[in-house]
Amino acid sequence: MSQWNQVQQLEIKFLEQVDQFYDDNFPMEIRHLLAQWIENQDWEAASNNETMATILLQNLLIQLDEQLGRVSKEKNLLLIHNLKRIRKVLQSPGLTTAQLPLDRHGETCIQRSKPCP
């Protein structure tokens, strides 16, 4: 079971804390739609290597574009709108690779079954 699926099964008090992790720089829609891809990346290594982090950001944008193409076929107007907005934020010059998700944090919260900091 993916980490994201495990997170969704946490008690409501923990889910409320998880909700606080997501903002406009990395919205929860991206975590949900790209869960498997995100969990397969080496975020720890990228956090210490700017080049790798930049490559992961570019790959994230590619994954986002693929999802946008998929939902466009489904004519899900709200999701199309949100994904376009998210893509624009992720492509903004002010975004730093330090704002990319460090997925290992979610794993720690799940393993400990306690509130995330």
PDB file of N, CA and C in Angstrom:
ATOM      1  N   MET A   1       0.851  -1.181   0.000  1.00  0.00           N
ATOM      2  CA  MET A   1       0.000   0.000   0.000  1.00  0.00           C
ATOM      3  C   MET A   1       0.896   1.243   0.000  1.00  0.00           C
ATOM      4  N   SER A   2       0.564   2.213  -0.810  1.00  0.00           N
ATOM      5  CA  SER A   2       1.370   3.429  -0.899  1.00  0.00           C
ATOM      6  C   SER A   2       1.269   4.236   0.397  1.00  0.00           C
ATOM      7  N   GLN A   3       2.275   5.057   0.602  1.00  0.00           N
ATOM      8  CA  GLN A   3       2.257   5.934   1.776  1.00  0.00           C
ATOM      9  C   GLN A   3       1.027   6.830   1.752  1.00  0.00           C
ATOM     10  N   TRP A   4       0.695   7.324   0.567  1.00  0.00           N
ATOM     11  CA  TRP A   4      -0.443   8.233   0.462  1.00  0.00           C
ATOM     12  C   TRP A   4      -1.737   7.516   0.867  1.00  0.00           C
ATOM     13  N   ASN A   5      -1.893   6.275   0.468  1.00  0.00           N
ATOM     14  CA  ASN A   5      -3.071   5.511   0.884  1.00  0.00           C
ATOM     15  C   ASN A   5      -3.074   5.307   2.391  1.00  0.00           C
ATOM     16  N   GLN A   6      -1.913   5.072   2.964  1.00  0.00           N
ATOM     17  CA  GLN A   6      -1.812   4.917   4.411  1.00  0.00           C
ATOM     18  C   GLN A   6      -2.162   6.218   5.131  1.00  0.00           C
ATOM     19  N   VAL A   7      -1.685   7.324   4.596  1.00  0.00           N
ATOM     20  CA  VAL A   7      -1.993   8.627   5.190  1.00  0.00           C
ATOM     21  C   VAL A   7      -3.502   8.846   5.226  1.00  0.00           C
ATOM     22  N   GLN A   8      -4.170   8.509   4.142  1.00  0.00           N
ATOM     23  CA  GLN A   8      -5.610   8.734   4.059  1.00  0.00           C
ATOM     24  C   GLN A   8      -6.401   7.891   5.057  1.00  0.00           C
ATOM     25  N   GLN A   9      -5.772   6.883   5.633  1.00  0.00           N
ATOM     26  CA  GLN A   9      -6.452   6.029   6.602  1.00  0.00           C
ATOM     27  C   GLN A   9      -6.151   6.413   8.053  1.00  0.00           C
ATOM     28  N   LEU A  10      -5.371   7.478   8.240  1.00  0.00           N
ATOM     29  CA  LEU A  10      -5.058   7.933   9.591  1.00  0.00           C
ATOM     30  C   LEU A  10      -6.300   8.501  10.267  1.00  0.00           C
ATOM     31  N   GLU A  11      -6.240   8.616  11.580  1.00  0.00           N
ATOM     32  CA  GLU A  11      -7.332   9.233  12.330  1.00  0.00           C
ATOM     33  C   GLU A  11      -7.446  10.701  11.924  1.00  0.00           C
ATOM     34  N   ILE A  12      -8.626  11.258  12.121  1.00  0.00           N
ATOM     35  CA  ILE A  12      -8.915  12.619  11.670  1.00  0.00           C
ATOM     36  C   ILE A  12      -7.954  13.632  12.270  1.00  0.00           C
ATOM     37  N   LYS A  13      -7.537  13.469  13.528  1.00  0.00           N
ATOM     38  CA  LYS A  13      -6.626  14.441  14.141  1.00  0.00           C
ATOM     39  C   LYS A  13      -5.286  14.471  13.409  1.00  0.00           C
ATOM     40  N   PHE A  14      -4.849  13.331  12.885  1.00  0.00           N
ATOM     41  CA  PHE A  14      -3.612  13.287  12.125  1.00  0.00           C
ATOM     42  C   PHE A  14      -3.820  13.829  10.718  1.00  0.00           C
ATOM     43  N   LEU A  15      -4.989  13.563  10.147  1.00  0.00           N
ATOM     44  CA  LEU A  15      -5.299  14.079   8.809  1.00  0.00           C
ATOM     45  C   LEU A  15      -5.315  15.602   8.801  1.00  0.00           C
ATOM     46  N   GLU A  16      -5.785  16.186   9.886  1.00  0.00           N
ATOM     47  CA  GLU A  16      -5.794  17.647   9.978  1.00  0.00           C
ATOM     48  C   GLU A  16      -4.373  18.197   9.972  1.00  0.00           C
ATOM     49  N   GLN A  17      -3.450  17.475  10.594  1.00  0.00           N
ATOM     50  CA  GLN A  17      -2.050  17.906  10.583  1.00  0.00           C
ATOM     51  C   GLN A  17      -1.440  17.734   9.197  1.00  0.00           C
ATOM     52  N   VAL A  18      -1.784  16.648   8.536  1.00  0.00           N
ATOM     53  CA  VAL A  18      -1.285  16.423   7.175  1.00  0.00           C
ATOM     54  C   VAL A  18      -1.762  17.559   6.272  1.00  0.00           C
ATOM     55  N   ASP A  19      -2.990  17.984   6.441  1.00  0.00           N
ATOM     56  CA  ASP A  19      -3.563  19.060   5.643  1.00  0.00           C
ATOM     57  C   ASP A  19      -2.731  20.337   5.741  1.00  0.00           C
ATOM     58  N   GLN A  20      -2.119  20.566   6.865  1.00  0.00           N
ATOM     59  CA  GLN A  20      -1.326  21.776   7.077  1.00  0.00           C
ATOM     60  C   GLN A  20      -0.015  21.771   6.292  1.00  0.00           C
ATOM     61  N   PHE A  21       0.447  20.606   5.849  1.00  0.00           N
ATOM     62  CA  PHE A  21       1.691  20.511   5.096  1.00  0.00           C
ATOM     63  C   PHE A  21       1.557  21.042   3.679  1.00  0.00           C
ATOM     64  N   TYR A  22       0.367  21.051   3.151  1.00  0.00           N
ATOM     65  CA  TYR A  22       0.166  21.371   1.745  1.00  0.00           C
ATOM     66  C   TYR A  22      -0.294  22.810   1.589  1.00  0.00           C
ATOM     67  N   ASP A  23       0.317  23.492   0.633  1.00  0.00           N
ATOM     68  CA  ASP A  23      -0.018  24.878   0.366  1.00  0.00           C
ATOM     69  C   ASP A  23       0.006  25.110  -1.146  1.00  0.00           C
ATOM     70  N   ASP A  24       0.023  26.364  -1.549  1.00  0.00           N
ATOM     71  CA  ASP A  24       0.002  26.678  -2.977  1.00  0.00           C
ATOM     72  C   ASP A  24       1.277  26.259  -3.693  1.00  0.00           C
ATOM     73  N   ASN A  25       2.405  26.157  -2.970  1.00  0.00           N
ATOM     74  CA  ASN A  25       3.647  25.737  -3.615  1.00  0.00           C
ATOM     75  C   ASN A  25       3.643  24.255  -3.951  1.00  0.00           C
ATOM     76  N   PHE A  26       2.997  23.469  -3.125  1.00  0.00           N
ATOM     77  CA  PHE A  26       2.873  22.043  -3.412  1.00  0.00           C
ATOM     78  C   PHE A  26       1.509  21.563  -2.904  1.00  0.00           C
ATOM     79  N   PRO A  27       0.481  21.762  -3.714  1.00  0.00           N
ATOM     80  CA  PRO A  27      -0.884  21.434  -3.307  1.00  0.00           C
ATOM     81  C   PRO A  27      -1.126  19.937  -3.140  1.00  0.00           C
ATOM     82  N   MET A  28      -2.098  19.624  -2.338  1.00  0.00           N
ATOM     83  CA  MET A  28      -2.443  18.234  -2.059  1.00  0.00           C
ATOM     84  C   MET A  28      -2.897  17.488  -3.315  1.00  0.00           C
ATOM     85  N   GLU A  29      -3.473  18.195  -4.289  1.00  0.00           N
ATOM     86  CA  GLU A  29      -3.887  17.531  -5.525  1.00  0.00           C
ATOM     87  C   GLU A  29      -2.708  16.827  -6.197  1.00  0.00           C
ATOM     88  N   ILE A  30      -1.550  17.483  -6.168  1.00  0.00           N
ATOM     89  CA  ILE A  30      -0.358  16.897  -6.784  1.00  0.00           C
ATOM     90  C   ILE A  30       0.068  15.654  -6.015  1.00  0.00           C
ATOM     91  N   ARG A  31       0.044  15.749  -4.711  1.00  0.00           N
ATOM     92  CA  ARG A  31       0.434  14.589  -3.897  1.00  0.00           C
ATOM     93  C   ARG A  31      -0.496  13.420  -4.171  1.00  0.00           C
ATOM     94  N   HIS A  32      -1.773  13.720  -4.323  1.00  0.00           N
ATOM     95  CA  HIS A  32      -2.767  12.678  -4.563  1.00  0.00           C
ATOM     96  C   HIS A  32      -2.628  12.074  -5.967  1.00  0.00           C
ATOM     97  N   LEU A  33      -2.562  12.917  -6.979  1.00  0.00           N
ATOM     98  CA  LEU A  33      -2.516  12.437  -8.358  1.00  0.00           C
ATOM     99  C   LEU A  33      -1.196  11.746  -8.704  1.00  0.00           C
ATOM    100  N   LEU A  34      -0.109  12.196  -8.108  1.00  0.00           N
ATOM    101  CA  LEU A  34       1.208  11.667  -8.443  1.00  0.00           C
ATOM    102  C   LEU A  34       1.811  10.846  -7.306  1.00  0.00           C
ATOM    103  N   ALA A  35       0.976  10.283  -6.469  1.00  0.00           N
ATOM    104  CA  ALA A  35       1.440   9.571  -5.273  1.00  0.00           C
ATOM    105  C   ALA A  35       2.508   8.534  -5.584  1.00  0.00           C
ATOM    106  N   GLN A  36       2.236   7.657  -6.521  1.00  0.00           N
ATOM    107  CA  GLN A  36       3.175   6.582  -6.828  1.00  0.00           C
ATOM    108  C   GLN A  36       4.496   7.138  -7.349  1.00  0.00           C
ATOM    109  N   TRP A  37       4.417   8.080  -8.266  1.00  0.00           N
ATOM    110  CA  TRP A  37       5.635   8.667  -8.815  1.00  0.00           C
ATOM    111  C   TRP A  37       6.439   9.363  -7.718  1.00  0.00           C
ATOM    112  N   ILE A  38       5.776  10.155  -6.896  1.00  0.00           N
ATOM    113  CA  ILE A  38       6.454  10.880  -5.815  1.00  0.00           C
ATOM    114  C   ILE A  38       7.162   9.911  -4.878  1.00  0.00           C
ATOM    115  N   GLU A  39       6.497   8.838  -4.537  1.00  0.00           N
ATOM    116  CA  GLU A  39       7.064   7.883  -3.591  1.00  0.00           C
ATOM    117  C   GLU A  39       8.228   7.092  -4.179  1.00  0.00           C
ATOM    118  N   ASN A  40       8.363   7.091  -5.481  1.00  0.00           N
ATOM    119  CA  ASN A  40       9.462   6.367  -6.125  1.00  0.00           C
ATOM    120  C   ASN A  40      10.699   7.231  -6.360  1.00  0.00           C
ATOM    121  N   GLN A  41      10.658   8.485  -5.937  1.00  0.00           N
ATOM    122  CA  GLN A  41      11.787   9.388  -6.150  1.00  0.00           C
ATOM    123  C   GLN A  41      12.684   9.420  -4.913  1.00  0.00           C
ATOM    124  N   ASP A  42      13.943   9.738  -5.116  1.00  0.00           N
ATOM    125  CA  ASP A  42      14.912   9.824  -4.021  1.00  0.00           C
ATOM    126  C   ASP A  42      14.992  11.274  -3.546  1.00  0.00           C
ATOM    127  N   TRP A  43      14.001  11.683  -2.760  1.00  0.00           N
ATOM    128  CA  TRP A  43      13.917  13.059  -2.286  1.00  0.00           C
ATOM    129  C   TRP A  43      15.046  13.394  -1.318  1.00  0.00           C
ATOM    130  N   GLU A  44      15.490  12.418  -0.559  1.00  0.00           N
ATOM    131  CA  GLU A  44      16.576  12.671   0.386  1.00  0.00           C
ATOM    132  C   GLU A  44      17.851  13.067  -0.364  1.00  0.00           C
ATOM    133  N   ALA A  45      18.184  12.322  -1.398  1.00  0.00           N
ATOM    134  CA  ALA A  45      19.366  12.663  -2.195  1.00  0.00           C
ATOM    135  C   ALA A  45      19.188  14.021  -2.869  1.00  0.00           C
ATOM    136  N   ALA A  46      17.996  14.299  -3.354  1.00  0.00           N
ATOM    137  CA  ALA A  46      17.734  15.569  -4.029  1.00  0.00           C
ATOM    138  C   ALA A  46      17.826  16.748  -3.068  1.00  0.00           C
ATOM    139  N   SER A  47      17.526  16.516  -1.794  1.00  0.00           N
ATOM    140  CA  SER A  47      17.594  17.610  -0.828  1.00  0.00           C
ATOM    141  C   SER A  47      19.027  18.068  -0.595  1.00  0.00           C
ATOM    142  N   ASN A  48      19.992  17.237  -0.969  1.00  0.00           N
ATOM    143  CA  ASN A  48      21.405  17.576  -0.801  1.00  0.00           C
ATOM    144  C   ASN A  48      22.114  17.844  -2.123  1.00  0.00           C
ATOM    145  N   ASN A  49      21.356  17.872  -3.232  1.00  0.00           N
ATOM    146  CA  ASN A  49      21.963  18.015  -4.550  1.00  0.00           C
ATOM    147  C   ASN A  49      21.059  18.890  -5.408  1.00  0.00           C
ATOM    148  N   GLU A  50      21.458  20.130  -5.594  1.00  0.00           N
ATOM    149  CA  GLU A  50      20.629  21.095  -6.327  1.00  0.00           C
ATOM    150  C   GLU A  50      20.334  20.644  -7.756  1.00  0.00           C
ATOM    151  N   THR A  51      21.304  20.038  -8.411  1.00  0.00           N
ATOM    152  CA  THR A  51      21.096  19.565  -9.781  1.00  0.00           C
ATOM    153  C   THR A  51      20.033  18.479  -9.812  1.00  0.00           C
ATOM    154  N   MET A  52      20.133  17.532  -8.903  1.00  0.00           N
ATOM    155  CA  MET A  52      19.144  16.455  -8.847  1.00  0.00           C
ATOM    156  C   MET A  52      17.755  17.001  -8.503  1.00  0.00           C
ATOM    157  N   ALA A  53      17.713  17.971  -7.601  1.00  0.00           N
ATOM    158  CA  ALA A  53      16.435  18.576  -7.231  1.00  0.00           C
ATOM    159  C   ALA A  53      15.807  19.284  -8.436  1.00  0.00           C
ATOM    160  N   THR A  54      16.634  19.955  -9.227  1.00  0.00           N
ATOM    161  CA  THR A  54      16.134  20.634 -10.424  1.00  0.00           C
ATOM    162  C   THR A  54      15.589  19.629 -11.435  1.00  0.00           C
ATOM    163  N   ILE A  55      16.286  18.522 -11.599  1.00  0.00           N
ATOM    164  CA  ILE A  55      15.826  17.468 -12.508  1.00  0.00           C
ATOM    165  C   ILE A  55      14.505  16.884 -12.014  1.00  0.00           C
ATOM    166  N   LEU A  56      14.396  16.655 -10.704  1.00  0.00           N
ATOM    167  CA  LEU A  56      13.134  16.135 -10.151  1.00  0.00           C
ATOM    168  C   LEU A  56      11.996  17.122 -10.372  1.00  0.00           C
ATOM    169  N   LEU A  57      12.271  18.404 -10.228  1.00  0.00           N
ATOM    170  CA  LEU A  57      11.237  19.412 -10.476  1.00  0.00           C
ATOM    171  C   LEU A  57      10.786  19.357 -11.928  1.00  0.00           C
ATOM    172  N   GLN A  58      11.723  19.250 -12.850  1.00  0.00           N
ATOM    173  CA  GLN A  58      11.368  19.151 -14.266  1.00  0.00           C
ATOM    174  C   GLN A  58      10.558  17.882 -14.545  1.00  0.00           C
ATOM    175  N   ASN A  59      10.959  16.780 -13.938  1.00  0.00           N
ATOM    176  CA  ASN A  59      10.214  15.527 -14.104  1.00  0.00           C
ATOM    177  C   ASN A  59       8.827  15.620 -13.476  1.00  0.00           C
ATOM    178  N   LEU A  60       8.730  16.325 -12.376  1.00  0.00           N
ATOM    179  CA  LEU A  60       7.423  16.550 -11.746  1.00  0.00           C
ATOM    180  C   LEU A  60       6.505  17.314 -12.693  1.00  0.00           C
ATOM    181  N   LEU A  61       7.045  18.314 -13.367  1.00  0.00           N
ATOM    182  CA  LEU A  61       6.259  19.079 -14.336  1.00  0.00           C
ATOM    183  C   LEU A  61       5.812  18.199 -15.499  1.00  0.00           C
ATOM    184  N   ILE A  62       6.672  17.299 -15.927  1.00  0.00           N
ATOM    185  CA  ILE A  62       6.300  16.361 -16.997  1.00  0.00           C
ATOM    186  C   ILE A  62       5.158  15.470 -16.532  1.00  0.00           C
ATOM    187  N   GLN A  63       5.266  14.954 -15.315  1.00  0.00           N
ATOM    188  CA  GLN A  63       4.200  14.113 -14.755  1.00  0.00           C
ATOM    189  C   GLN A  63       2.899  14.891 -14.640  1.00  0.00           C
ATOM    190  N   LEU A  64       3.001  16.137 -14.220  1.00  0.00           N
ATOM    191  CA  LEU A  64       1.828  16.999 -14.102  1.00  0.00           C
ATOM    192  C   LEU A  64       1.171  17.220 -15.457  1.00  0.00           C
ATOM    193  N   ASP A  65       1.988  17.451 -16.484  1.00  0.00           N
ATOM    194  CA  ASP A  65       1.449  17.630 -17.835  1.00  0.00           C
ATOM    195  C   ASP A  65       0.731  16.365 -18.318  1.00  0.00           C
ATOM    196  N   GLU A  66       1.287  15.206 -17.990  1.00  0.00           N
ATOM    197  CA  GLU A  66       0.624  13.950 -18.365  1.00  0.00           C
ATOM    198  C   GLU A  66      -0.730  13.816 -17.669  1.00  0.00           C
ATOM    199  N   GLN A  67      -0.792  14.187 -16.405  1.00  0.00           N
ATOM    200  CA  GLN A  67      -2.061  14.141 -15.679  1.00  0.00           C
ATOM    201  C   GLN A  67      -3.052  15.151 -16.266  1.00  0.00           C
ATOM    202  N   LEU A  68      -2.552  16.302 -16.631  1.00  0.00           N
ATOM    203  CA  LEU A  68      -3.406  17.322 -17.237  1.00  0.00           C
ATOM    204  C   LEU A  68      -4.003  16.808 -18.542  1.00  0.00           C
ATOM    205  N   GLY A  69      -3.193  16.128 -19.343  1.00  0.00           N
ATOM    206  CA  GLY A  69      -3.699  15.535 -20.580  1.00  0.00           C
ATOM    207  C   GLY A  69      -4.761  14.491 -20.307  1.00  0.00           C
ATOM    208  N   ARG A  70      -4.556  13.685 -19.268  1.00  0.00           N
ATOM    209  CA  ARG A  70      -5.522  12.646 -18.916  1.00  0.00           C
ATOM    210  C   ARG A  70      -6.845  13.247 -18.455  1.00  0.00           C
ATOM    211  N   VAL A  71      -6.791  14.228 -17.558  1.00  0.00           N
ATOM    212  CA  VAL A  71      -8.043  14.804 -17.053  1.00  0.00           C
ATOM    213  C   VAL A  71      -8.725  15.668 -18.098  1.00  0.00           C
ATOM    214  N   SER A  72      -7.967  16.189 -19.059  1.00  0.00           N
ATOM    215  CA  SER A  72      -8.575  16.967 -20.140  1.00  0.00           C
ATOM    216  C   SER A  72      -9.491  16.086 -20.974  1.00  0.00           C
ATOM    217  N   LYS A  73      -9.093  14.836 -21.172  1.00  0.00           N
ATOM    218  CA  LYS A  73      -9.934  13.886 -21.908  1.00  0.00           C
ATOM    219  C   LYS A  73     -11.206  13.561 -21.136  1.00  0.00           C
ATOM    220  N   GLU A  74     -11.110  13.611 -19.808  1.00  0.00           N
ATOM    221  CA  GLU A  74     -12.275  13.317 -18.962  1.00  0.00           C
ATOM    222  C   GLU A  74     -13.182  14.531 -18.812  1.00  0.00           C
ATOM    223  N   LYS A  75     -12.714  15.686 -19.297  1.00  0.00           N
ATOM    224  CA  LYS A  75     -13.458  16.939 -19.230  1.00  0.00           C
ATOM    225  C   LYS A  75     -13.824  17.325 -17.795  1.00  0.00           C
ATOM    226  N   ASN A  76     -12.881  17.109 -16.873  1.00  0.00           N
ATOM    227  CA  ASN A  76     -13.055  17.488 -15.477  1.00  0.00           C
ATOM    228  C   ASN A  76     -12.579  18.932 -15.329  1.00  0.00           C
ATOM    229  N   LEU A  77     -13.488  19.872 -15.525  1.00  0.00           N
ATOM    230  CA  LEU A  77     -13.147  21.287 -15.590  1.00  0.00           C
ATOM    231  C   LEU A  77     -12.451  21.788 -14.331  1.00  0.00           C
ATOM    232  N   LEU A  78     -12.934  21.410 -13.167  1.00  0.00           N
ATOM    233  CA  LEU A  78     -12.334  21.881 -11.924  1.00  0.00           C
ATOM    234  C   LEU A  78     -10.900  21.381 -11.776  1.00  0.00           C
ATOM    235  N   LEU A  79     -10.681  20.114 -12.041  1.00  0.00           N
ATOM    236  CA  LEU A  79      -9.340  19.553 -11.915  1.00  0.00           C
ATOM    237  C   LEU A  79      -8.406  20.129 -12.985  1.00  0.00           C
ATOM    238  N   ILE A  80      -8.911  20.322 -14.188  1.00  0.00           N
ATOM    239  CA  ILE A  80      -8.116  20.949 -15.253  1.00  0.00           C
ATOM    240  C   ILE A  80      -7.662  22.337 -14.802  1.00  0.00           C
ATOM    241  N   HIS A  81      -8.585  23.108 -14.282  1.00  0.00           N
ATOM    242  CA  HIS A  81      -8.280  24.461 -13.807  1.00  0.00           C
ATOM    243  C   HIS A  81      -7.223  24.421 -12.707  1.00  0.00           C
ATOM    244  N   ASN A  82      -7.399  23.535 -11.725  1.00  0.00           N
ATOM    245  CA  ASN A  82      -6.459  23.443 -10.607  1.00  0.00           C
ATOM    246  C   ASN A  82      -5.072  22.998 -11.066  1.00  0.00           C
ATOM    247  N   LEU A  83      -5.019  22.024 -11.973  1.00  0.00           N
ATOM    248  CA  LEU A  83      -3.724  21.541 -12.450  1.00  0.00           C
ATOM    249  C   LEU A  83      -2.989  22.623 -13.243  1.00  0.00           C
ATOM    250  N   LYS A  84      -3.708  23.399 -14.022  1.00  0.00           N
ATOM    251  CA  LYS A  84      -3.078  24.504 -14.755  1.00  0.00           C
ATOM    252  C   LYS A  84      -2.533  25.547 -13.787  1.00  0.00           C
ATOM    253  N   ARG A  85      -3.297  25.834 -12.758  1.00  0.00           N
ATOM    254  CA  ARG A  85      -2.860  26.794 -11.740  1.00  0.00           C
ATOM    255  C   ARG A  85      -1.610  26.276 -11.024  1.00  0.00           C
ATOM    256  N   ILE A  86      -1.626  25.002 -10.676  1.00  0.00           N
ATOM    257  CA  ILE A  86      -0.489  24.386  -9.982  1.00  0.00           C
ATOM    258  C   ILE A  86       0.755  24.396 -10.869  1.00  0.00           C
ATOM    259  N   ARG A  87       0.580  24.057 -12.133  1.00  0.00           N
ATOM    260  CA  ARG A  87       1.706  24.055 -13.067  1.00  0.00           C
ATOM    261  C   ARG A  87       2.317  25.452 -13.152  1.00  0.00           C
ATOM    262  N   LYS A  88       1.473  26.467 -13.188  1.00  0.00           N
ATOM    263  CA  LYS A  88       1.962  27.844 -13.254  1.00  0.00           C
ATOM    264  C   LYS A  88       2.781  28.184 -12.006  1.00  0.00           C
ATOM    265  N   VAL A  89       2.316  27.768 -10.842  1.00  0.00           N
ATOM    266  CA  VAL A  89       3.048  28.015  -9.594  1.00  0.00           C
ATOM    267  C   VAL A  89       4.387  27.286  -9.606  1.00  0.00           C
ATOM    268  N   LEU A  90       4.374  26.023 -10.036  1.00  0.00           N
ATOM    269  CA  LEU A  90       5.606  25.233 -10.038  1.00  0.00           C
ATOM    270  C   LEU A  90       6.623  25.740 -11.061  1.00  0.00           C
ATOM    271  N   GLN A  91       6.159  26.444 -12.068  1.00  0.00           N
ATOM    272  CA  GLN A  91       7.061  26.983 -13.088  1.00  0.00           C
ATOM    273  C   GLN A  91       7.506  28.408 -12.765  1.00  0.00           C
ATOM    274  N   SER A  92       7.015  28.962 -11.673  1.00  0.00           N
ATOM    275  CA  SER A  92       7.343  30.350 -11.349  1.00  0.00           C
ATOM    276  C   SER A  92       8.815  30.480 -10.971  1.00  0.00           C
ATOM    277  N   PRO A  93       9.421  31.599 -11.351  1.00  0.00           N
ATOM    278  CA  PRO A  93      10.841  31.805 -11.075  1.00  0.00           C
ATOM    279  C   PRO A  93      11.159  31.858  -9.583  1.00  0.00           C
ATOM    280  N   GLY A  94      10.199  32.218  -8.766  1.00  0.00           N
ATOM    281  CA  GLY A  94      10.434  32.334  -7.328  1.00  0.00           C
ATOM    282  C   GLY A  94      10.467  31.009  -6.586  1.00  0.00           C
ATOM    283  N   LEU A  95      10.043  29.935  -7.237  1.00  0.00           N
ATOM    284  CA  LEU A  95      10.012  28.628  -6.584  1.00  0.00           C
ATOM    285  C   LEU A  95      11.424  28.077  -6.483  1.00  0.00           C
ATOM    286  N   THR A  96      11.761  27.612  -5.301  1.00  0.00           N
ATOM    287  CA  THR A  96      13.069  26.989  -5.125  1.00  0.00           C
ATOM    288  C   THR A  96      12.884  25.493  -4.979  1.00  0.00           C
ATOM    289  N   THR A  97      13.925  24.760  -5.311  1.00  0.00           N
ATOM    290  CA  THR A  97      13.831  23.305  -5.184  1.00  0.00           C
ATOM    291  C   THR A  97      13.718  22.894  -3.727  1.00  0.00           C
ATOM    292  N   ALA A  98      14.059  23.783  -2.808  1.00  0.00           N
ATOM    293  CA  ALA A  98      13.908  23.482  -1.381  1.00  0.00           C
ATOM    294  C   ALA A  98      12.432  23.326  -1.017  1.00  0.00           C
ATOM    295  N   GLN A  99      11.535  23.833  -1.856  1.00  0.00           N
ATOM    296  CA  GLN A  99      10.105  23.735  -1.586  1.00  0.00           C
ATOM    297  C   GLN A  99       9.497  22.447  -2.113  1.00  0.00           C
ATOM    298  N   LEU A 100      10.300  21.598  -2.724  1.00  0.00           N
ATOM    299  CA  LEU A 100       9.795  20.317  -3.199  1.00  0.00           C
ATOM    300  C   LEU A 100       9.486  19.414  -2.014  1.00  0.00           C
ATOM    301  N   PRO A 101       8.586  18.461  -2.188  1.00  0.00           N
ATOM    302  CA  PRO A 101       8.194  17.604  -1.074  1.00  0.00           C
ATOM    303  C   PRO A 101       9.307  16.644  -0.667  1.00  0.00           C
ATOM    304  N   LEU A 102       9.505  16.517   0.606  1.00  0.00           N
ATOM    305  CA  LEU A 102      10.406  15.486   1.103  1.00  0.00           C
ATOM    306  C   LEU A 102       9.507  14.380   1.618  1.00  0.00           C
ATOM    307  N   ASP A 103       9.267  13.414   0.777  1.00  0.00           N
ATOM    308  CA  ASP A 103       8.274  12.387   1.041  1.00  0.00           C
ATOM    309  C   ASP A 103       8.592  11.555   2.273  1.00  0.00           C
ATOM    310  N   ARG A 104       9.841  11.480   2.654  1.00  0.00           N
ATOM    311  CA  ARG A 104      10.197  10.666   3.811  1.00  0.00           C
ATOM    312  C   ARG A 104       9.521  11.183   5.072  1.00  0.00           C
ATOM    313  N   HIS A 105       9.159  12.463   5.120  1.00  0.00           N
ATOM    314  CA  HIS A 105       8.489  13.020   6.282  1.00  0.00           C
ATOM    315  C   HIS A 105       7.138  12.342   6.514  1.00  0.00           C
ATOM    316  N   GLY A 106       6.384  12.141   5.465  1.00  0.00           N
ATOM    317  CA  GLY A 106       5.100  11.458   5.577  1.00  0.00           C
ATOM    318  C   GLY A 106       5.263  10.033   6.058  1.00  0.00           C
ATOM    319  N   GLU A 107       6.315   9.387   5.578  1.00  0.00           N
ATOM    320  CA  GLU A 107       6.576   8.010   5.991  1.00  0.00           C
ATOM    321  C   GLU A 107       6.844   7.936   7.491  1.00  0.00           C
ATOM    322  N   THR A 108       7.613   8.896   8.007  1.00  0.00           N
ATOM    323  CA  THR A 108       7.912   8.918   9.436  1.00  0.00           C
ATOM    324  C   THR A 108       6.637   9.068  10.252  1.00  0.00           C
ATOM    325  N   CYS A 109       5.743   9.946   9.821  1.00  0.00           N
ATOM    326  CA  CYS A 109       4.492  10.154  10.534  1.00  0.00           C
ATOM    327  C   CYS A 109       3.647   8.890  10.567  1.00  0.00           C
ATOM    328  N   ILE A 110       3.614   8.184   9.459  1.00  0.00           N
ATOM    329  CA  ILE A 110       2.829   6.960   9.382  1.00  0.00           C
ATOM    330  C   ILE A 110       3.422   5.898  10.296  1.00  0.00           C
ATOM    331  N   GLN A 111       4.730   5.721  10.234  1.00  0.00           N
ATOM    332  CA  GLN A 111       5.379   4.685  11.006  1.00  0.00           C
ATOM    333  C   GLN A 111       5.199   4.895  12.496  1.00  0.00           C
ATOM    334  N   ARG A 112       5.220   6.119  12.927  1.00  0.00           N
ATOM    335  CA  ARG A 112       5.111   6.414  14.343  1.00  0.00           C
ATOM    336  C   ARG A 112       3.672   6.505  14.813  1.00  0.00           C
ATOM    337  N   SER A 113       2.751   6.657  13.877  1.00  0.00           N
ATOM    338  CA  SER A 113       1.331   6.814  14.195  1.00  0.00           C
ATOM    339  C   SER A 113       1.103   7.869  15.270  1.00  0.00           C
ATOM    340  N   LYS A 114       1.773   8.971  15.086  1.00  0.00           N
ATOM    341  CA  LYS A 114       1.587  10.081  16.004  1.00  0.00           C
ATOM    342  C   LYS A 114       1.590  11.366  15.199  1.00  0.00           C
ATOM    343  N   PRO A 115       1.236  12.458  15.832  1.00  0.00           N
ATOM    344  CA  PRO A 115       1.155  13.713  15.082  1.00  0.00           C
ATOM    345  C   PRO A 115       2.484  14.061  14.433  1.00  0.00           C
ATOM    346  N   CYS A 116       2.387  14.620  13.253  1.00  0.00           N
ATOM    347  CA  CYS A 116       3.568  15.073  12.531  1.00  0.00           C
ATOM    348  C   CYS A 116       3.914  16.462  13.024  1.00  0.00           C
ATOM    349  N   PRO A 117       5.194  16.812  13.112  1.00  0.00           N
ATOM    350  CA  PRO A 117       5.581  18.146  13.577  1.00  0.00           C
ATOM    351  C   PRO A 117       5.162  19.227  12.606  1.00  0.00           C
TER     352      PRO A 117
END
